[in-house]
Amino acid sequence: MRLICTACPSIIERSKLEILHSQGKSSRAIAQELGRHPSTIYRELDGNDP
């Protein structure tokens, strides 16, 4: 049985993160809007940048 990572953003959160980031929102503003810790957002953006 595979456990779901509750620390990892969901597909919906990742979509919102991408939209907010493309709108020029800061990582801290995105974190506040999604109810996540800023470090989670920093990691997502760092890992998903081309």
PDB file of N, CA and C in Angstrom:
ATOM      1  N   MET A   1       0.843  -1.175   0.000  1.00  0.00           N
ATOM      2  CA  MET A   1       0.000   0.000   0.000  1.00  0.00           C
ATOM      3  C   MET A   1       0.892   1.244   0.000  1.00  0.00           C
ATOM      4  N   ARG A   2       0.550   2.187  -0.828  1.00  0.00           N
ATOM      5  CA  ARG A   2       1.335   3.414  -0.958  1.00  0.00           C
ATOM      6  C   ARG A   2       0.704   4.529  -0.137  1.00  0.00           C
ATOM      7  N   LEU A   3       1.522   5.211   0.664  1.00  0.00           N
ATOM      8  CA  LEU A   3       1.023   6.310   1.483  1.00  0.00           C
ATOM      9  C   LEU A   3       1.039   7.616   0.692  1.00  0.00           C
ATOM     10  N   ILE A   4       0.078   8.464   0.965  1.00  0.00           N
ATOM     11  CA  ILE A   4       0.010   9.768   0.324  1.00  0.00           C
ATOM     12  C   ILE A   4       0.836  10.758   1.132  1.00  0.00           C
ATOM     13  N   CYS A   5       1.663  11.504   0.454  1.00  0.00           N
ATOM     14  CA  CYS A   5       2.509  12.505   1.110  1.00  0.00           C
ATOM     15  C   CYS A   5       1.665  13.740   1.397  1.00  0.00           C
ATOM     16  N   THR A   6       1.381  13.983   2.669  1.00  0.00           N
ATOM     17  CA  THR A   6       0.567  15.151   3.032  1.00  0.00           C
ATOM     18  C   THR A   6       1.379  16.440   3.002  1.00  0.00           C
ATOM     19  N   ALA A   7       2.710  16.327   3.020  1.00  0.00           N
ATOM     20  CA  ALA A   7       3.565  17.519   2.949  1.00  0.00           C
ATOM     21  C   ALA A   7       3.699  18.021   1.516  1.00  0.00           C
ATOM     22  N   CYS A   8       3.437  17.152   0.554  1.00  0.00           N
ATOM     23  CA  CYS A   8       3.575  17.521  -0.854  1.00  0.00           C
ATOM     24  C   CYS A   8       2.295  18.189  -1.354  1.00  0.00           C
ATOM     25  N   PRO A   9       2.442  19.250  -2.146  1.00  0.00           N
ATOM     26  CA  PRO A   9       1.251  19.905  -2.702  1.00  0.00           C
ATOM     27  C   PRO A   9       0.500  18.983  -3.663  1.00  0.00           C
ATOM     28  N   SER A  10      -0.808  19.103  -3.658  1.00  0.00           N
ATOM     29  CA  SER A  10      -1.635  18.310  -4.565  1.00  0.00           C
ATOM     30  C   SER A  10      -1.540  18.876  -5.978  1.00  0.00           C
ATOM     31  N   ILE A  11      -2.106  18.166  -6.926  1.00  0.00           N
ATOM     32  CA  ILE A  11      -2.129  18.626  -8.319  1.00  0.00           C
ATOM     33  C   ILE A  11      -2.856  19.969  -8.406  1.00  0.00           C
ATOM     34  N   ILE A  12      -3.935  20.115  -7.672  1.00  0.00           N
ATOM     35  CA  ILE A  12      -4.701  21.369  -7.684  1.00  0.00           C
ATOM     36  C   ILE A  12      -3.851  22.507  -7.117  1.00  0.00           C
ATOM     37  N   GLU A  13      -3.161  22.239  -6.004  1.00  0.00           N
ATOM     38  CA  GLU A  13      -2.296  23.265  -5.412  1.00  0.00           C
ATOM     39  C   GLU A  13      -1.156  23.636  -6.355  1.00  0.00           C
ATOM     40  N   ARG A  14      -0.606  22.643  -7.035  1.00  0.00           N
ATOM     41  CA  ARG A  14       0.483  22.922  -7.984  1.00  0.00           C
ATOM     42  C   ARG A  14      -0.017  23.776  -9.140  1.00  0.00           C
ATOM     43  N   SER A  15      -1.238  23.537  -9.582  1.00  0.00           N
ATOM     44  CA  SER A  15      -1.828  24.342 -10.659  1.00  0.00           C
ATOM     45  C   SER A  15      -2.023  25.783 -10.194  1.00  0.00           C
ATOM     46  N   LYS A  16      -2.554  25.941  -8.982  1.00  0.00           N
ATOM     47  CA  LYS A  16      -2.741  27.290  -8.430  1.00  0.00           C
ATOM     48  C   LYS A  16      -1.399  27.982  -8.261  1.00  0.00           C
ATOM     49  N   LEU A  17      -0.399  27.231  -7.775  1.00  0.00           N
ATOM     50  CA  LEU A  17       0.937  27.776  -7.585  1.00  0.00           C
ATOM     51  C   LEU A  17       1.481  28.289  -8.916  1.00  0.00           C
ATOM     52  N   GLU A  18       1.326  27.516  -9.968  1.00  0.00           N
ATOM     53  CA  GLU A  18       1.814  27.909 -11.285  1.00  0.00           C
ATOM     54  C   GLU A  18       1.129  29.188 -11.780  1.00  0.00           C
ATOM     55  N   ILE A  19      -0.175  29.266 -11.592  1.00  0.00           N
ATOM     56  CA  ILE A  19      -0.935  30.450 -12.009  1.00  0.00           C
ATOM     57  C   ILE A  19      -0.484  31.679 -11.226  1.00  0.00           C
ATOM     58  N   LEU A  20      -0.414  31.543  -9.904  1.00  0.00           N
ATOM     59  CA  LEU A  20      -0.014  32.671  -9.060  1.00  0.00           C
ATOM     60  C   LEU A  20       1.413  33.122  -9.363  1.00  0.00           C
ATOM     61  N   HIS A  21       2.296  32.157  -9.601  1.00  0.00           N
ATOM     62  CA  HIS A  21       3.689  32.487  -9.928  1.00  0.00           C
ATOM     63  C   HIS A  21       3.759  33.227 -11.268  1.00  0.00           C
ATOM     64  N   SER A  22       2.976  32.783 -12.248  1.00  0.00           N
ATOM     65  CA  SER A  22       2.975  33.439 -13.560  1.00  0.00           C
ATOM     66  C   SER A  22       2.389  34.847 -13.486  1.00  0.00           C
ATOM     67  N   GLN A  23       1.574  35.112 -12.456  1.00  0.00           N
ATOM     68  CA  GLN A  23       1.008  36.445 -12.244  1.00  0.00           C
ATOM     69  C   GLN A  23       1.986  37.358 -11.509  1.00  0.00           C
ATOM     70  N   GLY A  24       3.159  36.825 -11.160  1.00  0.00           N
ATOM     71  CA  GLY A  24       4.184  37.628 -10.509  1.00  0.00           C
ATOM     72  C   GLY A  24       4.091  37.688  -8.995  1.00  0.00           C
ATOM     73  N   LYS A  25       3.268  36.822  -8.399  1.00  0.00           N
ATOM     74  CA  LYS A  25       3.150  36.797  -6.936  1.00  0.00           C
ATOM     75  C   LYS A  25       4.438  36.267  -6.325  1.00  0.00           C
ATOM     76  N   SER A  26       4.775  36.770  -5.159  1.00  0.00           N
ATOM     77  CA  SER A  26       5.968  36.299  -4.456  1.00  0.00           C
ATOM     78  C   SER A  26       5.705  34.912  -3.857  1.00  0.00           C
ATOM     79  N   SER A  27       6.787  34.229  -3.547  1.00  0.00           N
ATOM     80  CA  SER A  27       6.665  32.895  -2.934  1.00  0.00           C
ATOM     81  C   SER A  27       5.924  32.971  -1.604  1.00  0.00           C
ATOM     82  N   ARG A  28       6.209  34.017  -0.829  1.00  0.00           N
ATOM     83  CA  ARG A  28       5.536  34.170   0.468  1.00  0.00           C
ATOM     84  C   ARG A  28       4.041  34.432   0.286  1.00  0.00           C
ATOM     85  N   ALA A  29       3.682  35.239  -0.709  1.00  0.00           N
ATOM     86  CA  ALA A  29       2.267  35.521  -0.966  1.00  0.00           C
ATOM     87  C   ALA A  29       1.541  34.256  -1.425  1.00  0.00           C
ATOM     88  N   ILE A  30       2.207  33.465  -2.253  1.00  0.00           N
ATOM     89  CA  ILE A  30       1.621  32.198  -2.721  1.00  0.00           C
ATOM     90  C   ILE A  30       1.430  31.255  -1.538  1.00  0.00           C
ATOM     91  N   ALA A  31       2.440  31.163  -0.680  1.00  0.00           N
ATOM     92  CA  ALA A  31       2.360  30.287   0.493  1.00  0.00           C
ATOM     93  C   ALA A  31       1.189  30.680   1.382  1.00  0.00           C
ATOM     94  N   GLN A  32       1.035  31.976   1.591  1.00  0.00           N
ATOM     95  CA  GLN A  32      -0.061  32.450   2.437  1.00  0.00           C
ATOM     96  C   GLN A  32      -1.413  32.120   1.801  1.00  0.00           C
ATOM     97  N   GLU A  33      -1.519  32.316   0.504  1.00  0.00           N
ATOM     98  CA  GLU A  33      -2.783  32.047  -0.177  1.00  0.00           C
ATOM     99  C   GLU A  33      -3.143  30.562  -0.182  1.00  0.00           C
ATOM    100  N   LEU A  34      -2.122  29.709  -0.301  1.00  0.00           N
ATOM    101  CA  LEU A  34      -2.375  28.262  -0.335  1.00  0.00           C
ATOM    102  C   LEU A  34      -2.390  27.630   1.056  1.00  0.00           C
ATOM    103  N   GLY A  35      -2.013  28.405   2.073  1.00  0.00           N
ATOM    104  CA  GLY A  35      -1.977  27.852   3.422  1.00  0.00           C
ATOM    105  C   GLY A  35      -0.831  26.884   3.626  1.00  0.00           C
ATOM    106  N   ARG A  36       0.283  27.140   2.942  1.00  0.00           N
ATOM    107  CA  ARG A  36       1.477  26.290   3.035  1.00  0.00           C
ATOM    108  C   ARG A  36       2.634  27.081   3.607  1.00  0.00           C
ATOM    109  N   HIS A  37       3.633  26.377   4.089  1.00  0.00           N
ATOM    110  CA  HIS A  37       4.837  27.025   4.584  1.00  0.00           C
ATOM    111  C   HIS A  37       5.622  27.546   3.380  1.00  0.00           C
ATOM    112  N   PRO A  38       6.224  28.733   3.499  1.00  0.00           N
ATOM    113  CA  PRO A  38       6.977  29.284   2.369  1.00  0.00           C
ATOM    114  C   PRO A  38       8.059  28.346   1.821  1.00  0.00           C
ATOM    115  N   SER A  39       8.699  27.564   2.685  1.00  0.00           N
ATOM    116  CA  SER A  39       9.751  26.658   2.199  1.00  0.00           C
ATOM    117  C   SER A  39       9.197  25.604   1.246  1.00  0.00           C
ATOM    118  N   THR A  40       7.944  25.203   1.450  1.00  0.00           N
ATOM    119  CA  THR A  40       7.305  24.247   0.543  1.00  0.00           C
ATOM    120  C   THR A  40       7.178  24.865  -0.840  1.00  0.00           C
ATOM    121  N   ILE A  41       6.785  26.132  -0.896  1.00  0.00           N
ATOM    122  CA  ILE A  41       6.629  26.828  -2.167  1.00  0.00           C
ATOM    123  C   ILE A  41       7.989  27.018  -2.829  1.00  0.00           C
ATOM    124  N   TYR A  42       9.003  27.424  -2.044  1.00  0.00           N
ATOM    125  CA  TYR A  42      10.352  27.593  -2.590  1.00  0.00           C
ATOM    126  C   TYR A  42      10.839  26.294  -3.231  1.00  0.00           C
ATOM    127  N   ARG A  43      10.639  25.172  -2.550  1.00  0.00           N
ATOM    128  CA  ARG A  43      11.073  23.872  -3.080  1.00  0.00           C
ATOM    129  C   ARG A  43      10.348  23.537  -4.372  1.00  0.00           C
ATOM    130  N   GLU A  44       9.045  23.768  -4.406  1.00  0.00           N
ATOM    131  CA  GLU A  44       8.276  23.472  -5.621  1.00  0.00           C
ATOM    132  C   GLU A  44       8.755  24.315  -6.795  1.00  0.00           C
ATOM    133  N   LEU A  45       8.955  25.603  -6.556  1.00  0.00           N
ATOM    134  CA  LEU A  45       9.378  26.481  -7.634  1.00  0.00           C
ATOM    135  C   LEU A  45      10.803  26.148  -8.074  1.00  0.00           C
ATOM    136  N   ASP A  46      11.668  25.826  -7.144  1.00  0.00           N
ATOM    137  CA  ASP A  46      13.047  25.483  -7.481  1.00  0.00           C
ATOM    138  C   ASP A  46      13.108  24.180  -8.277  1.00  0.00           C
ATOM    139  N   GLY A  47      12.292  23.227  -7.901  1.00  0.00           N
ATOM    140  CA  GLY A  47      12.300  21.933  -8.579  1.00  0.00           C
ATOM    141  C   GLY A  47      11.581  21.918  -9.905  1.00  0.00           C
ATOM    142  N   ASN A  48      10.716  22.883 -10.141  1.00  0.00           N
ATOM    143  CA  ASN A  48       9.933  22.879 -11.371  1.00  0.00           C
ATOM    144  C   ASN A  48      10.360  23.919 -12.388  1.00  0.00           C
ATOM    145  N   ASP A  49      11.367  24.741 -12.034  1.00  0.00           N
ATOM    146  CA  ASP A  49      11.852  25.723 -13.003  1.00  0.00           C
ATOM    147  C   ASP A  49      12.667  25.029 -14.074  1.00  0.00           C
ATOM    148  N   PRO A  50      12.470  25.415 -15.338  1.00  0.00           N
ATOM    149  CA  PRO A  50      13.239  24.770 -16.419  1.00  0.00           C
ATOM    150  C   PRO A  50      14.699  25.162 -16.396  1.00  0.00           C
TER     151      PRO A  50
END
